[in-house]
Amino acid sequence: MPGAEARIIPHDATRQPKMILGVLAYDRWVIPRALDWVSRTREKYPFAKLVGARFPLEQINEAFEQAEWVAGKGSVARTVIVP
């Protein structure tokens, strides 16, 4: 998440085998598989709690203003644009 910080303890990083890997893009198969998993487990996990607000496409600018990643100080955790 943009603006989020992570703390690394040097002792742990050198004494235990760890790998830090950044991922910028997805392989083509990832999104369909992830959506399938969400669809199959929607009753098992509280996915709705991950969404802070829903906005129609006409209010996309307001959605960006309220999104946390805009300046790290938004009023909602995640926004969803509903076409």
N, C-alpha and C. Protein backbone atom coordinates (compact mmCIF):
# COMPACT_ATOMS: atom_id res chain seq x y z
N MET A 1 0.85 -1.17 0.00
CA MET A 1 0.00 0.00 0.00
C MET A 1 0.90 1.23 0.00
N PRO A 2 0.68 2.14 -0.91
CA PRO A 2 1.51 3.34 -0.94
C PRO A 2 1.47 4.08 0.40
N GLY A 3 2.61 4.50 0.85
CA GLY A 3 2.71 5.23 2.10
C GLY A 3 2.88 4.35 3.33
N ALA A 4 2.62 3.05 3.18
CA ALA A 4 2.77 2.14 4.32
C ALA A 4 4.26 1.91 4.57
N GLU A 5 4.59 1.66 5.82
CA GLU A 5 5.97 1.42 6.19
C GLU A 5 6.12 0.02 6.75
N ALA A 6 7.29 -0.55 6.57
CA ALA A 6 7.58 -1.85 7.14
C ALA A 6 8.89 -1.75 7.92
N ARG A 7 8.94 -2.44 9.02
CA ARG A 7 10.14 -2.42 9.85
C ARG A 7 10.86 -3.75 9.70
N ILE A 8 12.12 -3.71 9.40
CA ILE A 8 12.91 -4.92 9.27
C ILE A 8 13.95 -4.93 10.38
N ILE A 9 14.00 -6.01 11.12
CA ILE A 9 15.00 -6.17 12.18
C ILE A 9 16.21 -6.84 11.56
N PRO A 10 17.34 -6.14 11.46
CA PRO A 10 18.51 -6.69 10.79
C PRO A 10 18.91 -8.08 11.29
N HIS A 11 18.83 -8.31 12.58
CA HIS A 11 19.18 -9.62 13.14
C HIS A 11 18.33 -10.71 12.51
N ASP A 12 17.02 -10.49 12.43
CA ASP A 12 16.13 -11.50 11.86
C ASP A 12 16.38 -11.70 10.37
N ALA A 13 16.70 -10.61 9.67
CA ALA A 13 16.94 -10.71 8.24
C ALA A 13 18.21 -11.49 7.91
N THR A 14 19.18 -11.45 8.80
CA THR A 14 20.44 -12.15 8.53
C THR A 14 20.53 -13.53 9.16
N ARG A 15 19.77 -13.77 10.21
CA ARG A 15 19.84 -15.05 10.92
C ARG A 15 18.83 -16.09 10.43
N GLN A 16 17.82 -15.64 9.73
CA GLN A 16 16.80 -16.55 9.23
C GLN A 16 16.70 -16.35 7.73
N PRO A 17 16.54 -17.44 6.97
CA PRO A 17 16.44 -17.27 5.51
C PRO A 17 15.15 -16.57 5.13
N LYS A 18 15.26 -15.37 4.62
CA LYS A 18 14.11 -14.54 4.21
C LYS A 18 14.37 -13.99 2.83
N MET A 19 13.31 -13.75 2.11
CA MET A 19 13.42 -13.10 0.81
C MET A 19 12.36 -12.02 0.73
N ILE A 20 12.75 -10.83 0.35
CA ILE A 20 11.82 -9.73 0.14
C ILE A 20 11.71 -9.53 -1.36
N LEU A 21 10.51 -9.63 -1.87
CA LEU A 21 10.30 -9.58 -3.31
C LEU A 21 9.17 -8.62 -3.62
N GLY A 22 9.45 -7.60 -4.40
CA GLY A 22 8.42 -6.67 -4.83
C GLY A 22 7.80 -7.15 -6.13
N VAL A 23 6.51 -6.98 -6.26
CA VAL A 23 5.81 -7.41 -7.47
C VAL A 23 5.08 -6.21 -8.04
N LEU A 24 5.34 -5.92 -9.29
CA LEU A 24 4.73 -4.77 -9.93
C LEU A 24 3.56 -5.15 -10.82
N ALA A 25 3.62 -6.32 -11.43
CA ALA A 25 2.57 -6.72 -12.37
C ALA A 25 2.17 -8.17 -12.09
N TYR A 26 1.03 -8.55 -12.62
CA TYR A 26 0.53 -9.91 -12.42
C TYR A 26 0.63 -10.70 -13.71
N ASP A 27 0.78 -12.01 -13.59
CA ASP A 27 0.63 -12.87 -14.75
C ASP A 27 -0.86 -12.91 -15.11
N ARG A 28 -1.16 -13.22 -16.36
CA ARG A 28 -2.55 -13.17 -16.84
C ARG A 28 -3.49 -14.10 -16.06
N TRP A 29 -3.01 -15.19 -15.54
CA TRP A 29 -3.87 -16.16 -14.86
C TRP A 29 -4.25 -15.74 -13.44
N VAL A 30 -3.54 -14.78 -12.86
CA VAL A 30 -3.73 -14.46 -11.44
C VAL A 30 -5.11 -13.85 -11.16
N ILE A 31 -5.52 -12.84 -11.90
CA ILE A 31 -6.78 -12.15 -11.60
C ILE A 31 -7.98 -13.07 -11.74
N PRO A 32 -8.13 -13.84 -12.85
CA PRO A 32 -9.28 -14.75 -12.91
C PRO A 32 -9.30 -15.77 -11.77
N ARG A 33 -8.14 -16.28 -11.39
CA ARG A 33 -8.08 -17.25 -10.30
C ARG A 33 -8.45 -16.59 -8.97
N ALA A 34 -7.96 -15.38 -8.75
CA ALA A 34 -8.29 -14.66 -7.51
C ALA A 34 -9.78 -14.35 -7.43
N LEU A 35 -10.36 -13.90 -8.55
CA LEU A 35 -11.80 -13.60 -8.56
C LEU A 35 -12.63 -14.86 -8.34
N ASP A 36 -12.19 -15.97 -8.89
CA ASP A 36 -12.88 -17.24 -8.67
C ASP A 36 -12.84 -17.62 -7.19
N TRP A 37 -11.68 -17.46 -6.56
CA TRP A 37 -11.55 -17.77 -5.14
C TRP A 37 -12.45 -16.87 -4.29
N VAL A 38 -12.46 -15.57 -4.59
CA VAL A 38 -13.32 -14.64 -3.85
C VAL A 38 -14.78 -15.04 -4.01
N SER A 39 -15.16 -15.39 -5.23
CA SER A 39 -16.55 -15.80 -5.49
C SER A 39 -16.92 -17.06 -4.70
N ARG A 40 -16.01 -18.02 -4.68
CA ARG A 40 -16.30 -19.28 -3.97
C ARG A 40 -16.31 -19.13 -2.46
N THR A 41 -15.58 -18.17 -1.93
CA THR A 41 -15.43 -18.04 -0.47
C THR A 41 -16.12 -16.81 0.09
N ARG A 42 -17.00 -16.19 -0.69
CA ARG A 42 -17.60 -14.93 -0.26
C ARG A 42 -18.43 -15.06 1.02
N GLU A 43 -18.95 -16.24 1.31
CA GLU A 43 -19.71 -16.45 2.54
C GLU A 43 -18.80 -16.80 3.72
N LYS A 44 -17.61 -17.27 3.44
CA LYS A 44 -16.69 -17.71 4.48
C LYS A 44 -15.90 -16.56 5.11
N TYR A 45 -15.55 -15.55 4.30
CA TYR A 45 -14.73 -14.45 4.78
C TYR A 45 -15.47 -13.12 4.65
N PRO A 46 -15.21 -12.16 5.53
CA PRO A 46 -15.92 -10.86 5.51
C PRO A 46 -15.34 -9.86 4.51
N PHE A 47 -15.39 -10.20 3.23
CA PHE A 47 -14.81 -9.34 2.21
C PHE A 47 -15.43 -7.94 2.20
N ALA A 48 -16.71 -7.85 2.51
CA ALA A 48 -17.38 -6.55 2.49
C ALA A 48 -16.74 -5.56 3.45
N LYS A 49 -16.13 -6.04 4.51
CA LYS A 49 -15.48 -5.15 5.48
C LYS A 49 -14.21 -4.52 4.93
N LEU A 50 -13.70 -5.05 3.82
CA LEU A 50 -12.48 -4.50 3.23
C LEU A 50 -12.75 -3.25 2.40
N VAL A 51 -14.00 -3.01 2.10
CA VAL A 51 -14.38 -1.87 1.27
C VAL A 51 -14.88 -0.75 2.16
N GLY A 52 -14.27 0.42 2.03
CA GLY A 52 -14.66 1.55 2.85
C GLY A 52 -15.83 2.33 2.29
N ALA A 53 -15.91 2.44 0.97
CA ALA A 53 -16.97 3.23 0.36
C ALA A 53 -17.14 2.79 -1.09
N ARG A 54 -18.35 2.97 -1.60
CA ARG A 54 -18.64 2.67 -3.01
C ARG A 54 -19.09 3.95 -3.68
N PHE A 55 -18.61 4.17 -4.89
CA PHE A 55 -18.93 5.37 -5.64
C PHE A 55 -19.35 5.01 -7.05
N PRO A 56 -20.37 5.70 -7.59
CA PRO A 56 -20.67 5.52 -9.01
C PRO A 56 -19.56 6.17 -9.82
N LEU A 57 -19.44 5.75 -11.06
CA LEU A 57 -18.38 6.27 -11.92
C LEU A 57 -18.41 7.80 -12.01
N GLU A 58 -19.59 8.37 -11.94
CA GLU A 58 -19.71 9.83 -12.02
C GLU A 58 -19.03 10.54 -10.85
N GLN A 59 -18.79 9.84 -9.75
CA GLN A 59 -18.15 10.43 -8.57
C GLN A 59 -16.72 9.94 -8.39
N ILE A 60 -16.08 9.60 -9.47
CA ILE A 60 -14.73 9.03 -9.37
C ILE A 60 -13.74 10.00 -8.72
N ASN A 61 -13.89 11.30 -8.97
CA ASN A 61 -12.97 12.26 -8.35
C ASN A 61 -13.13 12.27 -6.83
N GLU A 62 -14.35 12.20 -6.35
CA GLU A 62 -14.58 12.13 -4.91
C GLU A 62 -14.00 10.84 -4.33
N ALA A 63 -14.13 9.76 -5.08
CA ALA A 63 -13.56 8.49 -4.63
C ALA A 63 -12.05 8.60 -4.45
N PHE A 64 -11.38 9.22 -5.42
CA PHE A 64 -9.94 9.41 -5.30
C PHE A 64 -9.59 10.31 -4.13
N GLU A 65 -10.38 11.34 -3.90
CA GLU A 65 -10.10 12.24 -2.78
C GLU A 65 -10.20 11.52 -1.45
N GLN A 66 -11.15 10.60 -1.33
CA GLN A 66 -11.34 9.90 -0.07
C GLN A 66 -10.45 8.66 0.08
N ALA A 67 -9.85 8.24 -1.01
CA ALA A 67 -9.01 7.04 -0.95
C ALA A 67 -7.77 7.29 -0.10
N GLU A 68 -7.42 6.34 0.69
CA GLU A 68 -6.29 6.46 1.60
C GLU A 68 -4.97 6.71 0.88
N TRP A 69 -4.79 6.11 -0.29
CA TRP A 69 -3.50 6.20 -0.96
C TRP A 69 -3.22 7.56 -1.58
N VAL A 70 -4.22 8.42 -1.72
CA VAL A 70 -4.00 9.71 -2.35
C VAL A 70 -2.90 10.49 -1.62
N ALA A 71 -3.03 10.60 -0.32
CA ALA A 71 -2.01 11.32 0.45
C ALA A 71 -1.69 10.59 1.75
N GLY A 72 -2.17 9.35 1.85
CA GLY A 72 -1.95 8.61 3.08
C GLY A 72 -2.84 9.10 4.21
N LYS A 73 -3.79 10.00 3.92
CA LYS A 73 -4.62 10.57 4.97
C LYS A 73 -6.09 10.55 4.57
N GLY A 74 -6.47 9.65 3.70
CA GLY A 74 -7.86 9.60 3.25
C GLY A 74 -8.81 9.19 4.35
N SER A 75 -10.08 9.31 4.07
CA SER A 75 -11.09 9.01 5.09
C SER A 75 -11.62 7.59 5.00
N VAL A 76 -11.25 6.85 3.98
CA VAL A 76 -11.69 5.46 3.85
C VAL A 76 -10.49 4.59 3.52
N ALA A 77 -10.59 3.30 3.87
CA ALA A 77 -9.48 2.38 3.62
C ALA A 77 -9.38 2.02 2.15
N ARG A 78 -10.51 1.70 1.53
CA ARG A 78 -10.54 1.34 0.12
C ARG A 78 -11.82 1.88 -0.51
N THR A 79 -11.71 2.32 -1.72
CA THR A 79 -12.89 2.76 -2.44
C THR A 79 -13.15 1.82 -3.60
N VAL A 80 -14.41 1.73 -4.00
CA VAL A 80 -14.81 0.90 -5.11
C VAL A 80 -15.60 1.76 -6.08
N ILE A 81 -15.24 1.70 -7.36
CA ILE A 81 -15.99 2.41 -8.39
C ILE A 81 -16.98 1.40 -8.99
N VAL A 82 -18.26 1.75 -8.95
CA VAL A 82 -19.30 0.87 -9.47
C VAL A 82 -19.77 1.46 -10.79
N PRO A 83 -19.43 0.81 -11.92
CA PRO A 83 -19.85 1.35 -13.22
C PRO A 83 -21.35 1.31 -13.39
